[in-house]
Amino acid sequence: LAQLQNTKVVELISSAIGDLVQGI
C-alpha cells in the first residue's frame, strides 16, 4: 500500500482496516 505512493488511497484502505477491526 505504501508503494502506491498515494496518500488518499493509503488513508482510504487504512480506514477500511479500522472498520474491519471494529466490526469483527
PDBML (XML) file of the C-alpha atoms, coordinates in Angstrom:
<?xml version="1.0" encoding="UTF-8" ?>
<PDBx:datablock datablockName="MODEL"
   xmlns:PDBx="http://pdbml.pdb.org/schema/pdbx-v50.xsd"
   xmlns:xsi="http://www.w3.org/2001/XMLSchema-instance"
   xsi:schemaLocation="http://pdbml.pdb.org/schema/pdbx-v50.xsd pdbx-v50.xsd">
   <PDBx:atom_siteCategory>
      <PDBx:atom_site id="1">
         <PDBx:B_iso_or_equiv>0.00</PDBx:B_iso_or_equiv>
         <PDBx:Cartn_x>0.000</PDBx:Cartn_x>
         <PDBx:Cartn_y>0.000</PDBx:Cartn_y>
         <PDBx:Cartn_z>0.000</PDBx:Cartn_z>
         <PDBx:auth_asym_id>A</PDBx:auth_asym_id>
         <PDBx:auth_atom_id>CA</PDBx:auth_atom_id>
         <PDBx:auth_comp_id>LEU</PDBx:auth_comp_id>
         <PDBx:auth_seq_id>1</PDBx:auth_seq_id>
         <PDBx:group_PDB>ATOM</PDBx:group_PDB>
         <PDBx:label_alt_id xsi:nil="true" />
         <PDBx:label_asym_id>A</PDBx:label_asym_id>
         <PDBx:label_atom_id>CA</PDBx:label_atom_id>
         <PDBx:label_comp_id>LEU</PDBx:label_comp_id>
         <PDBx:label_entity_id>1</PDBx:label_entity_id>
         <PDBx:label_seq_id>1</PDBx:label_seq_id>
         <PDBx:occupancy>1.00</PDBx:occupancy>
         <PDBx:pdbx_PDB_model_num>1</PDBx:pdbx_PDB_model_num>
         <PDBx:type_symbol>C</PDBx:type_symbol>
      </PDBx:atom_site>
      <PDBx:atom_site id="2">
         <PDBx:B_iso_or_equiv>0.00</PDBx:B_iso_or_equiv>
         <PDBx:Cartn_x>2.828</PDBx:Cartn_x>
         <PDBx:Cartn_y>2.400</PDBx:Cartn_y>
         <PDBx:Cartn_z>0.835</PDBx:Cartn_z>
         <PDBx:auth_asym_id>A</PDBx:auth_asym_id>
         <PDBx:auth_atom_id>CA</PDBx:auth_atom_id>
         <PDBx:auth_comp_id>ALA</PDBx:auth_comp_id>
         <PDBx:auth_seq_id>2</PDBx:auth_seq_id>
         <PDBx:group_PDB>ATOM</PDBx:group_PDB>
         <PDBx:label_alt_id xsi:nil="true" />
         <PDBx:label_asym_id>A</PDBx:label_asym_id>
         <PDBx:label_atom_id>CA</PDBx:label_atom_id>
         <PDBx:label_comp_id>ALA</PDBx:label_comp_id>
         <PDBx:label_entity_id>1</PDBx:label_entity_id>
         <PDBx:label_seq_id>2</PDBx:label_seq_id>
         <PDBx:occupancy>1.00</PDBx:occupancy>
         <PDBx:pdbx_PDB_model_num>1</PDBx:pdbx_PDB_model_num>
         <PDBx:type_symbol>C</PDBx:type_symbol>
      </PDBx:atom_site>
      <PDBx:atom_site id="3">
         <PDBx:B_iso_or_equiv>0.00</PDBx:B_iso_or_equiv>
         <PDBx:Cartn_x>4.486</PDBx:Cartn_x>
         <PDBx:Cartn_y>1.613</PDBx:Cartn_y>
         <PDBx:Cartn_z>-2.507</PDBx:Cartn_z>
         <PDBx:auth_asym_id>A</PDBx:auth_asym_id>
         <PDBx:auth_atom_id>CA</PDBx:auth_atom_id>
         <PDBx:auth_comp_id>GLN</PDBx:auth_comp_id>
         <PDBx:auth_seq_id>3</PDBx:auth_seq_id>
         <PDBx:group_PDB>ATOM</PDBx:group_PDB>
         <PDBx:label_alt_id xsi:nil="true" />
         <PDBx:label_asym_id>A</PDBx:label_asym_id>
         <PDBx:label_atom_id>CA</PDBx:label_atom_id>
         <PDBx:label_comp_id>GLN</PDBx:label_comp_id>
         <PDBx:label_entity_id>1</PDBx:label_entity_id>
         <PDBx:label_seq_id>3</PDBx:label_seq_id>
         <PDBx:occupancy>1.00</PDBx:occupancy>
         <PDBx:pdbx_PDB_model_num>1</PDBx:pdbx_PDB_model_num>
         <PDBx:type_symbol>C</PDBx:type_symbol>
      </PDBx:atom_site>
      <PDBx:atom_site id="4">
         <PDBx:B_iso_or_equiv>0.00</PDBx:B_iso_or_equiv>
         <PDBx:Cartn_x>1.443</PDBx:Cartn_x>
         <PDBx:Cartn_y>3.024</PDBx:Cartn_y>
         <PDBx:Cartn_z>-4.329</PDBx:Cartn_z>
         <PDBx:auth_asym_id>A</PDBx:auth_asym_id>
         <PDBx:auth_atom_id>CA</PDBx:auth_atom_id>
         <PDBx:auth_comp_id>LEU</PDBx:auth_comp_id>
         <PDBx:auth_seq_id>4</PDBx:auth_seq_id>
         <PDBx:group_PDB>ATOM</PDBx:group_PDB>
         <PDBx:label_alt_id xsi:nil="true" />
         <PDBx:label_asym_id>A</PDBx:label_asym_id>
         <PDBx:label_atom_id>CA</PDBx:label_atom_id>
         <PDBx:label_comp_id>LEU</PDBx:label_comp_id>
         <PDBx:label_entity_id>1</PDBx:label_entity_id>
         <PDBx:label_seq_id>4</PDBx:label_seq_id>
         <PDBx:occupancy>1.00</PDBx:occupancy>
         <PDBx:pdbx_PDB_model_num>1</PDBx:pdbx_PDB_model_num>
         <PDBx:type_symbol>C</PDBx:type_symbol>
      </PDBx:atom_site>
      <PDBx:atom_site id="5">
         <PDBx:B_iso_or_equiv>0.00</PDBx:B_iso_or_equiv>
         <PDBx:Cartn_x>2.615</PDBx:Cartn_x>
         <PDBx:Cartn_y>6.454</PDBx:Cartn_y>
         <PDBx:Cartn_z>-3.098</PDBx:Cartn_z>
         <PDBx:auth_asym_id>A</PDBx:auth_asym_id>
         <PDBx:auth_atom_id>CA</PDBx:auth_atom_id>
         <PDBx:auth_comp_id>GLN</PDBx:auth_comp_id>
         <PDBx:auth_seq_id>5</PDBx:auth_seq_id>
         <PDBx:group_PDB>ATOM</PDBx:group_PDB>
         <PDBx:label_alt_id xsi:nil="true" />
         <PDBx:label_asym_id>A</PDBx:label_asym_id>
         <PDBx:label_atom_id>CA</PDBx:label_atom_id>
         <PDBx:label_comp_id>GLN</PDBx:label_comp_id>
         <PDBx:label_entity_id>1</PDBx:label_entity_id>
         <PDBx:label_seq_id>5</PDBx:label_seq_id>
         <PDBx:occupancy>1.00</PDBx:occupancy>
         <PDBx:pdbx_PDB_model_num>1</PDBx:pdbx_PDB_model_num>
         <PDBx:type_symbol>C</PDBx:type_symbol>
      </PDBx:atom_site>
      <PDBx:atom_site id="6">
         <PDBx:B_iso_or_equiv>0.00</PDBx:B_iso_or_equiv>
         <PDBx:Cartn_x>-0.888</PDBx:Cartn_x>
         <PDBx:Cartn_y>7.902</PDBx:Cartn_y>
         <PDBx:Cartn_z>-2.930</PDBx:Cartn_z>
         <PDBx:auth_asym_id>A</PDBx:auth_asym_id>
         <PDBx:auth_atom_id>CA</PDBx:auth_atom_id>
         <PDBx:auth_comp_id>ASN</PDBx:auth_comp_id>
         <PDBx:auth_seq_id>6</PDBx:auth_seq_id>
         <PDBx:group_PDB>ATOM</PDBx:group_PDB>
         <PDBx:label_alt_id xsi:nil="true" />
         <PDBx:label_asym_id>A</PDBx:label_asym_id>
         <PDBx:label_atom_id>CA</PDBx:label_atom_id>
         <PDBx:label_comp_id>ASN</PDBx:label_comp_id>
         <PDBx:label_entity_id>1</PDBx:label_entity_id>
         <PDBx:label_seq_id>6</PDBx:label_seq_id>
         <PDBx:occupancy>1.00</PDBx:occupancy>
         <PDBx:pdbx_PDB_model_num>1</PDBx:pdbx_PDB_model_num>
         <PDBx:type_symbol>C</PDBx:type_symbol>
      </PDBx:atom_site>
      <PDBx:atom_site id="7">
         <PDBx:B_iso_or_equiv>0.00</PDBx:B_iso_or_equiv>
         <PDBx:Cartn_x>-1.796</PDBx:Cartn_x>
         <PDBx:Cartn_y>9.366</PDBx:Cartn_y>
         <PDBx:Cartn_z>0.458</PDBx:Cartn_z>
         <PDBx:auth_asym_id>A</PDBx:auth_asym_id>
         <PDBx:auth_atom_id>CA</PDBx:auth_atom_id>
         <PDBx:auth_comp_id>THR</PDBx:auth_comp_id>
         <PDBx:auth_seq_id>7</PDBx:auth_seq_id>
         <PDBx:group_PDB>ATOM</PDBx:group_PDB>
         <PDBx:label_alt_id xsi:nil="true" />
         <PDBx:label_asym_id>A</PDBx:label_asym_id>
         <PDBx:label_atom_id>CA</PDBx:label_atom_id>
         <PDBx:label_comp_id>THR</PDBx:label_comp_id>
         <PDBx:label_entity_id>1</PDBx:label_entity_id>
         <PDBx:label_seq_id>7</PDBx:label_seq_id>
         <PDBx:occupancy>1.00</PDBx:occupancy>
         <PDBx:pdbx_PDB_model_num>1</PDBx:pdbx_PDB_model_num>
         <PDBx:type_symbol>C</PDBx:type_symbol>
      </PDBx:atom_site>
      <PDBx:atom_site id="8">
         <PDBx:B_iso_or_equiv>0.00</PDBx:B_iso_or_equiv>
         <PDBx:Cartn_x>-5.553</PDBx:Cartn_x>
         <PDBx:Cartn_y>9.354</PDBx:Cartn_y>
         <PDBx:Cartn_z>-0.183</PDBx:Cartn_z>
         <PDBx:auth_asym_id>A</PDBx:auth_asym_id>
         <PDBx:auth_atom_id>CA</PDBx:auth_atom_id>
         <PDBx:auth_comp_id>LYS</PDBx:auth_comp_id>
         <PDBx:auth_seq_id>8</PDBx:auth_seq_id>
         <PDBx:group_PDB>ATOM</PDBx:group_PDB>
         <PDBx:label_alt_id xsi:nil="true" />
         <PDBx:label_asym_id>A</PDBx:label_asym_id>
         <PDBx:label_atom_id>CA</PDBx:label_atom_id>
         <PDBx:label_comp_id>LYS</PDBx:label_comp_id>
         <PDBx:label_entity_id>1</PDBx:label_entity_id>
         <PDBx:label_seq_id>8</PDBx:label_seq_id>
         <PDBx:occupancy>1.00</PDBx:occupancy>
         <PDBx:pdbx_PDB_model_num>1</PDBx:pdbx_PDB_model_num>
         <PDBx:type_symbol>C</PDBx:type_symbol>
      </PDBx:atom_site>
      <PDBx:atom_site id="9">
         <PDBx:B_iso_or_equiv>0.00</PDBx:B_iso_or_equiv>
         <PDBx:Cartn_x>-5.503</PDBx:Cartn_x>
         <PDBx:Cartn_y>5.676</PDBx:Cartn_y>
         <PDBx:Cartn_z>-1.141</PDBx:Cartn_z>
         <PDBx:auth_asym_id>A</PDBx:auth_asym_id>
         <PDBx:auth_atom_id>CA</PDBx:auth_atom_id>
         <PDBx:auth_comp_id>VAL</PDBx:auth_comp_id>
         <PDBx:auth_seq_id>9</PDBx:auth_seq_id>
         <PDBx:group_PDB>ATOM</PDBx:group_PDB>
         <PDBx:label_alt_id xsi:nil="true" />
         <PDBx:label_asym_id>A</PDBx:label_asym_id>
         <PDBx:label_atom_id>CA</PDBx:label_atom_id>
         <PDBx:label_comp_id>VAL</PDBx:label_comp_id>
         <PDBx:label_entity_id>1</PDBx:label_entity_id>
         <PDBx:label_seq_id>9</PDBx:label_seq_id>
         <PDBx:occupancy>1.00</PDBx:occupancy>
         <PDBx:pdbx_PDB_model_num>1</PDBx:pdbx_PDB_model_num>
         <PDBx:type_symbol>C</PDBx:type_symbol>
      </PDBx:atom_site>
      <PDBx:atom_site id="10">
         <PDBx:B_iso_or_equiv>0.00</PDBx:B_iso_or_equiv>
         <PDBx:Cartn_x>-3.461</PDBx:Cartn_x>
         <PDBx:Cartn_y>4.869</PDBx:Cartn_y>
         <PDBx:Cartn_z>1.959</PDBx:Cartn_z>
         <PDBx:auth_asym_id>A</PDBx:auth_asym_id>
         <PDBx:auth_atom_id>CA</PDBx:auth_atom_id>
         <PDBx:auth_comp_id>VAL</PDBx:auth_comp_id>
         <PDBx:auth_seq_id>10</PDBx:auth_seq_id>
         <PDBx:group_PDB>ATOM</PDBx:group_PDB>
         <PDBx:label_alt_id xsi:nil="true" />
         <PDBx:label_asym_id>A</PDBx:label_asym_id>
         <PDBx:label_atom_id>CA</PDBx:label_atom_id>
         <PDBx:label_comp_id>VAL</PDBx:label_comp_id>
         <PDBx:label_entity_id>1</PDBx:label_entity_id>
         <PDBx:label_seq_id>10</PDBx:label_seq_id>
         <PDBx:occupancy>1.00</PDBx:occupancy>
         <PDBx:pdbx_PDB_model_num>1</PDBx:pdbx_PDB_model_num>
         <PDBx:type_symbol>C</PDBx:type_symbol>
      </PDBx:atom_site>
      <PDBx:atom_site id="11">
         <PDBx:B_iso_or_equiv>0.00</PDBx:B_iso_or_equiv>
         <PDBx:Cartn_x>-5.982</PDBx:Cartn_x>
         <PDBx:Cartn_y>6.802</PDBx:Cartn_y>
         <PDBx:Cartn_z>4.068</PDBx:Cartn_z>
         <PDBx:auth_asym_id>A</PDBx:auth_asym_id>
         <PDBx:auth_atom_id>CA</PDBx:auth_atom_id>
         <PDBx:auth_comp_id>GLU</PDBx:auth_comp_id>
         <PDBx:auth_seq_id>11</PDBx:auth_seq_id>
         <PDBx:group_PDB>ATOM</PDBx:group_PDB>
         <PDBx:label_alt_id xsi:nil="true" />
         <PDBx:label_asym_id>A</PDBx:label_asym_id>
         <PDBx:label_atom_id>CA</PDBx:label_atom_id>
         <PDBx:label_comp_id>GLU</PDBx:label_comp_id>
         <PDBx:label_entity_id>1</PDBx:label_entity_id>
         <PDBx:label_seq_id>11</PDBx:label_seq_id>
         <PDBx:occupancy>1.00</PDBx:occupancy>
         <PDBx:pdbx_PDB_model_num>1</PDBx:pdbx_PDB_model_num>
         <PDBx:type_symbol>C</PDBx:type_symbol>
      </PDBx:atom_site>
      <PDBx:atom_site id="12">
         <PDBx:B_iso_or_equiv>0.00</PDBx:B_iso_or_equiv>
         <PDBx:Cartn_x>-8.963</PDBx:Cartn_x>
         <PDBx:Cartn_y>5.014</PDBx:Cartn_y>
         <PDBx:Cartn_z>2.488</PDBx:Cartn_z>
         <PDBx:auth_asym_id>A</PDBx:auth_asym_id>
         <PDBx:auth_atom_id>CA</PDBx:auth_atom_id>
         <PDBx:auth_comp_id>LEU</PDBx:auth_comp_id>
         <PDBx:auth_seq_id>12</PDBx:auth_seq_id>
         <PDBx:group_PDB>ATOM</PDBx:group_PDB>
         <PDBx:label_alt_id xsi:nil="true" />
         <PDBx:label_asym_id>A</PDBx:label_asym_id>
         <PDBx:label_atom_id>CA</PDBx:label_atom_id>
         <PDBx:label_comp_id>LEU</PDBx:label_comp_id>
         <PDBx:label_entity_id>1</PDBx:label_entity_id>
         <PDBx:label_seq_id>12</PDBx:label_seq_id>
         <PDBx:occupancy>1.00</PDBx:occupancy>
         <PDBx:pdbx_PDB_model_num>1</PDBx:pdbx_PDB_model_num>
         <PDBx:type_symbol>C</PDBx:type_symbol>
      </PDBx:atom_site>
      <PDBx:atom_site id="13">
         <PDBx:B_iso_or_equiv>0.00</PDBx:B_iso_or_equiv>
         <PDBx:Cartn_x>-7.589</PDBx:Cartn_x>
         <PDBx:Cartn_y>1.482</PDBx:Cartn_y>
         <PDBx:Cartn_z>2.882</PDBx:Cartn_z>
         <PDBx:auth_asym_id>A</PDBx:auth_asym_id>
         <PDBx:auth_atom_id>CA</PDBx:auth_atom_id>
         <PDBx:auth_comp_id>ILE</PDBx:auth_comp_id>
         <PDBx:auth_seq_id>13</PDBx:auth_seq_id>
         <PDBx:group_PDB>ATOM</PDBx:group_PDB>
         <PDBx:label_alt_id xsi:nil="true" />
         <PDBx:label_asym_id>A</PDBx:label_asym_id>
         <PDBx:label_atom_id>CA</PDBx:label_atom_id>
         <PDBx:label_comp_id>ILE</PDBx:label_comp_id>
         <PDBx:label_entity_id>1</PDBx:label_entity_id>
         <PDBx:label_seq_id>13</PDBx:label_seq_id>
         <PDBx:occupancy>1.00</PDBx:occupancy>
         <PDBx:pdbx_PDB_model_num>1</PDBx:pdbx_PDB_model_num>
         <PDBx:type_symbol>C</PDBx:type_symbol>
      </PDBx:atom_site>
      <PDBx:atom_site id="14">
         <PDBx:B_iso_or_equiv>0.00</PDBx:B_iso_or_equiv>
         <PDBx:Cartn_x>-6.270</PDBx:Cartn_x>
         <PDBx:Cartn_y>2.198</PDBx:Cartn_y>
         <PDBx:Cartn_z>6.392</PDBx:Cartn_z>
         <PDBx:auth_asym_id>A</PDBx:auth_asym_id>
         <PDBx:auth_atom_id>CA</PDBx:auth_atom_id>
         <PDBx:auth_comp_id>SER</PDBx:auth_comp_id>
         <PDBx:auth_seq_id>14</PDBx:auth_seq_id>
         <PDBx:group_PDB>ATOM</PDBx:group_PDB>
         <PDBx:label_alt_id xsi:nil="true" />
         <PDBx:label_asym_id>A</PDBx:label_asym_id>
         <PDBx:label_atom_id>CA</PDBx:label_atom_id>
         <PDBx:label_comp_id>SER</PDBx:label_comp_id>
         <PDBx:label_entity_id>1</PDBx:label_entity_id>
         <PDBx:label_seq_id>14</PDBx:label_seq_id>
         <PDBx:occupancy>1.00</PDBx:occupancy>
         <PDBx:pdbx_PDB_model_num>1</PDBx:pdbx_PDB_model_num>
         <PDBx:type_symbol>C</PDBx:type_symbol>
      </PDBx:atom_site>
      <PDBx:atom_site id="15">
         <PDBx:B_iso_or_equiv>0.00</PDBx:B_iso_or_equiv>
         <PDBx:Cartn_x>-9.725</PDBx:Cartn_x>
         <PDBx:Cartn_y>3.382</PDBx:Cartn_y>
         <PDBx:Cartn_z>7.447</PDBx:Cartn_z>
         <PDBx:auth_asym_id>A</PDBx:auth_asym_id>
         <PDBx:auth_atom_id>CA</PDBx:auth_atom_id>
         <PDBx:auth_comp_id>SER</PDBx:auth_comp_id>
         <PDBx:auth_seq_id>15</PDBx:auth_seq_id>
         <PDBx:group_PDB>ATOM</PDBx:group_PDB>
         <PDBx:label_alt_id xsi:nil="true" />
         <PDBx:label_asym_id>A</PDBx:label_asym_id>
         <PDBx:label_atom_id>CA</PDBx:label_atom_id>
         <PDBx:label_comp_id>SER</PDBx:label_comp_id>
         <PDBx:label_entity_id>1</PDBx:label_entity_id>
         <PDBx:label_seq_id>15</PDBx:label_seq_id>
         <PDBx:occupancy>1.00</PDBx:occupancy>
         <PDBx:pdbx_PDB_model_num>1</PDBx:pdbx_PDB_model_num>
         <PDBx:type_symbol>C</PDBx:type_symbol>
      </PDBx:atom_site>
      <PDBx:atom_site id="16">
         <PDBx:B_iso_or_equiv>0.00</PDBx:B_iso_or_equiv>
         <PDBx:Cartn_x>-11.217</PDBx:Cartn_x>
         <PDBx:Cartn_y>0.224</PDBx:Cartn_y>
         <PDBx:Cartn_z>5.890</PDBx:Cartn_z>
         <PDBx:auth_asym_id>A</PDBx:auth_asym_id>
         <PDBx:auth_atom_id>CA</PDBx:auth_atom_id>
         <PDBx:auth_comp_id>ALA</PDBx:auth_comp_id>
         <PDBx:auth_seq_id>16</PDBx:auth_seq_id>
         <PDBx:group_PDB>ATOM</PDBx:group_PDB>
         <PDBx:label_alt_id xsi:nil="true" />
         <PDBx:label_asym_id>A</PDBx:label_asym_id>
         <PDBx:label_atom_id>CA</PDBx:label_atom_id>
         <PDBx:label_comp_id>ALA</PDBx:label_comp_id>
         <PDBx:label_entity_id>1</PDBx:label_entity_id>
         <PDBx:label_seq_id>16</PDBx:label_seq_id>
         <PDBx:occupancy>1.00</PDBx:occupancy>
         <PDBx:pdbx_PDB_model_num>1</PDBx:pdbx_PDB_model_num>
         <PDBx:type_symbol>C</PDBx:type_symbol>
      </PDBx:atom_site>
      <PDBx:atom_site id="17">
         <PDBx:B_iso_or_equiv>0.00</PDBx:B_iso_or_equiv>
         <PDBx:Cartn_x>-8.883</PDBx:Cartn_x>
         <PDBx:Cartn_y>-1.907</PDBx:Cartn_y>
         <PDBx:Cartn_z>8.035</PDBx:Cartn_z>
         <PDBx:auth_asym_id>A</PDBx:auth_asym_id>
         <PDBx:auth_atom_id>CA</PDBx:auth_atom_id>
         <PDBx:auth_comp_id>ILE</PDBx:auth_comp_id>
         <PDBx:auth_seq_id>17</PDBx:auth_seq_id>
         <PDBx:group_PDB>ATOM</PDBx:group_PDB>
         <PDBx:label_alt_id xsi:nil="true" />
         <PDBx:label_asym_id>A</PDBx:label_asym_id>
         <PDBx:label_atom_id>CA</PDBx:label_atom_id>
         <PDBx:label_comp_id>ILE</PDBx:label_comp_id>
         <PDBx:label_entity_id>1</PDBx:label_entity_id>
         <PDBx:label_seq_id>17</PDBx:label_seq_id>
         <PDBx:occupancy>1.00</PDBx:occupancy>
         <PDBx:pdbx_PDB_model_num>1</PDBx:pdbx_PDB_model_num>
         <PDBx:type_symbol>C</PDBx:type_symbol>
      </PDBx:atom_site>
      <PDBx:atom_site id="18">
         <PDBx:B_iso_or_equiv>0.00</PDBx:B_iso_or_equiv>
         <PDBx:Cartn_x>-10.061</PDBx:Cartn_x>
         <PDBx:Cartn_y>0.049</PDBx:Cartn_y>
         <PDBx:Cartn_z>11.057</PDBx:Cartn_z>
         <PDBx:auth_asym_id>A</PDBx:auth_asym_id>
         <PDBx:auth_atom_id>CA</PDBx:auth_atom_id>
         <PDBx:auth_comp_id>GLY</PDBx:auth_comp_id>
         <PDBx:auth_seq_id>18</PDBx:auth_seq_id>
         <PDBx:group_PDB>ATOM</PDBx:group_PDB>
         <PDBx:label_alt_id xsi:nil="true" />
         <PDBx:label_asym_id>A</PDBx:label_asym_id>
         <PDBx:label_atom_id>CA</PDBx:label_atom_id>
         <PDBx:label_comp_id>GLY</PDBx:label_comp_id>
         <PDBx:label_entity_id>1</PDBx:label_entity_id>
         <PDBx:label_seq_id>18</PDBx:label_seq_id>
         <PDBx:occupancy>1.00</PDBx:occupancy>
         <PDBx:pdbx_PDB_model_num>1</PDBx:pdbx_PDB_model_num>
         <PDBx:type_symbol>C</PDBx:type_symbol>
      </PDBx:atom_site>
      <PDBx:atom_site id="19">
         <PDBx:B_iso_or_equiv>0.00</PDBx:B_iso_or_equiv>
         <PDBx:Cartn_x>-13.687</PDBx:Cartn_x>
         <PDBx:Cartn_y>-0.577</PDBx:Cartn_y>
         <PDBx:Cartn_z>10.082</PDBx:Cartn_z>
         <PDBx:auth_asym_id>A</PDBx:auth_asym_id>
         <PDBx:auth_atom_id>CA</PDBx:auth_atom_id>
         <PDBx:auth_comp_id>ASP</PDBx:auth_comp_id>
         <PDBx:auth_seq_id>19</PDBx:auth_seq_id>
         <PDBx:group_PDB>ATOM</PDBx:group_PDB>
         <PDBx:label_alt_id xsi:nil="true" />
         <PDBx:label_asym_id>A</PDBx:label_asym_id>
         <PDBx:label_atom_id>CA</PDBx:label_atom_id>
         <PDBx:label_comp_id>ASP</PDBx:label_comp_id>
         <PDBx:label_entity_id>1</PDBx:label_entity_id>
         <PDBx:label_seq_id>19</PDBx:label_seq_id>
         <PDBx:occupancy>1.00</PDBx:occupancy>
         <PDBx:pdbx_PDB_model_num>1</PDBx:pdbx_PDB_model_num>
         <PDBx:type_symbol>C</PDBx:type_symbol>
      </PDBx:atom_site>
      <PDBx:atom_site id="20">
         <PDBx:B_iso_or_equiv>0.00</PDBx:B_iso_or_equiv>
         <PDBx:Cartn_x>-12.991</PDBx:Cartn_x>
         <PDBx:Cartn_y>-4.298</PDBx:Cartn_y>
         <PDBx:Cartn_z>9.751</PDBx:Cartn_z>
         <PDBx:auth_asym_id>A</PDBx:auth_asym_id>
         <PDBx:auth_atom_id>CA</PDBx:auth_atom_id>
         <PDBx:auth_comp_id>LEU</PDBx:auth_comp_id>
         <PDBx:auth_seq_id>20</PDBx:auth_seq_id>
         <PDBx:group_PDB>ATOM</PDBx:group_PDB>
         <PDBx:label_alt_id xsi:nil="true" />
         <PDBx:label_asym_id>A</PDBx:label_asym_id>
         <PDBx:label_atom_id>CA</PDBx:label_atom_id>
         <PDBx:label_comp_id>LEU</PDBx:label_comp_id>
         <PDBx:label_entity_id>1</PDBx:label_entity_id>
         <PDBx:label_seq_id>20</PDBx:label_seq_id>
         <PDBx:occupancy>1.00</PDBx:occupancy>
         <PDBx:pdbx_PDB_model_num>1</PDBx:pdbx_PDB_model_num>
         <PDBx:type_symbol>C</PDBx:type_symbol>
      </PDBx:atom_site>
      <PDBx:atom_site id="21">
         <PDBx:B_iso_or_equiv>0.00</PDBx:B_iso_or_equiv>
         <PDBx:Cartn_x>-11.412</PDBx:Cartn_x>
         <PDBx:Cartn_y>-4.481</PDBx:Cartn_y>
         <PDBx:Cartn_z>13.184</PDBx:Cartn_z>
         <PDBx:auth_asym_id>A</PDBx:auth_asym_id>
         <PDBx:auth_atom_id>CA</PDBx:auth_atom_id>
         <PDBx:auth_comp_id>VAL</PDBx:auth_comp_id>
         <PDBx:auth_seq_id>21</PDBx:auth_seq_id>
         <PDBx:group_PDB>ATOM</PDBx:group_PDB>
         <PDBx:label_alt_id xsi:nil="true" />
         <PDBx:label_asym_id>A</PDBx:label_asym_id>
         <PDBx:label_atom_id>CA</PDBx:label_atom_id>
         <PDBx:label_comp_id>VAL</PDBx:label_comp_id>
         <PDBx:label_entity_id>1</PDBx:label_entity_id>
         <PDBx:label_seq_id>21</PDBx:label_seq_id>
         <PDBx:occupancy>1.00</PDBx:occupancy>
         <PDBx:pdbx_PDB_model_num>1</PDBx:pdbx_PDB_model_num>
         <PDBx:type_symbol>C</PDBx:type_symbol>
      </PDBx:atom_site>
      <PDBx:atom_site id="22">
         <PDBx:B_iso_or_equiv>0.00</PDBx:B_iso_or_equiv>
         <PDBx:Cartn_x>-14.325</PDBx:Cartn_x>
         <PDBx:Cartn_y>-2.593</PDBx:Cartn_y>
         <PDBx:Cartn_z>14.734</PDBx:Cartn_z>
         <PDBx:auth_asym_id>A</PDBx:auth_asym_id>
         <PDBx:auth_atom_id>CA</PDBx:auth_atom_id>
         <PDBx:auth_comp_id>GLN</PDBx:auth_comp_id>
         <PDBx:auth_seq_id>22</PDBx:auth_seq_id>
         <PDBx:group_PDB>ATOM</PDBx:group_PDB>
         <PDBx:label_alt_id xsi:nil="true" />
         <PDBx:label_asym_id>A</PDBx:label_asym_id>
         <PDBx:label_atom_id>CA</PDBx:label_atom_id>
         <PDBx:label_comp_id>GLN</PDBx:label_comp_id>
         <PDBx:label_entity_id>1</PDBx:label_entity_id>
         <PDBx:label_seq_id>22</PDBx:label_seq_id>
         <PDBx:occupancy>1.00</PDBx:occupancy>
         <PDBx:pdbx_PDB_model_num>1</PDBx:pdbx_PDB_model_num>
         <PDBx:type_symbol>C</PDBx:type_symbol>
      </PDBx:atom_site>
      <PDBx:atom_site id="23">
         <PDBx:B_iso_or_equiv>0.00</PDBx:B_iso_or_equiv>
         <PDBx:Cartn_x>-16.928</PDBx:Cartn_x>
         <PDBx:Cartn_y>-4.747</PDBx:Cartn_y>
         <PDBx:Cartn_z>13.000</PDBx:Cartn_z>
         <PDBx:auth_asym_id>A</PDBx:auth_asym_id>
         <PDBx:auth_atom_id>CA</PDBx:auth_atom_id>
         <PDBx:auth_comp_id>GLY</PDBx:auth_comp_id>
         <PDBx:auth_seq_id>23</PDBx:auth_seq_id>
         <PDBx:group_PDB>ATOM</PDBx:group_PDB>
         <PDBx:label_alt_id xsi:nil="true" />
         <PDBx:label_asym_id>A</PDBx:label_asym_id>
         <PDBx:label_atom_id>CA</PDBx:label_atom_id>
         <PDBx:label_comp_id>GLY</PDBx:label_comp_id>
         <PDBx:label_entity_id>1</PDBx:label_entity_id>
         <PDBx:label_seq_id>23</PDBx:label_seq_id>
         <PDBx:occupancy>1.00</PDBx:occupancy>
         <PDBx:pdbx_PDB_model_num>1</PDBx:pdbx_PDB_model_num>
         <PDBx:type_symbol>C</PDBx:type_symbol>
      </PDBx:atom_site>
      <PDBx:atom_site id="24">
         <PDBx:B_iso_or_equiv>0.00</PDBx:B_iso_or_equiv>
         <PDBx:Cartn_x>-15.288</PDBx:Cartn_x>
         <PDBx:Cartn_y>-8.080</PDBx:Cartn_y>
         <PDBx:Cartn_z>13.850</PDBx:Cartn_z>
         <PDBx:auth_asym_id>A</PDBx:auth_asym_id>
         <PDBx:auth_atom_id>CA</PDBx:auth_atom_id>
         <PDBx:auth_comp_id>ILE</PDBx:auth_comp_id>
         <PDBx:auth_seq_id>24</PDBx:auth_seq_id>
         <PDBx:group_PDB>ATOM</PDBx:group_PDB>
         <PDBx:label_alt_id xsi:nil="true" />
         <PDBx:label_asym_id>A</PDBx:label_asym_id>
         <PDBx:label_atom_id>CA</PDBx:label_atom_id>
         <PDBx:label_comp_id>ILE</PDBx:label_comp_id>
         <PDBx:label_entity_id>1</PDBx:label_entity_id>
         <PDBx:label_seq_id>24</PDBx:label_seq_id>
         <PDBx:occupancy>1.00</PDBx:occupancy>
         <PDBx:pdbx_PDB_model_num>1</PDBx:pdbx_PDB_model_num>
         <PDBx:type_symbol>C</PDBx:type_symbol>
      </PDBx:atom_site>
   </PDBx:atom_siteCategory>
</PDBx:datablock>
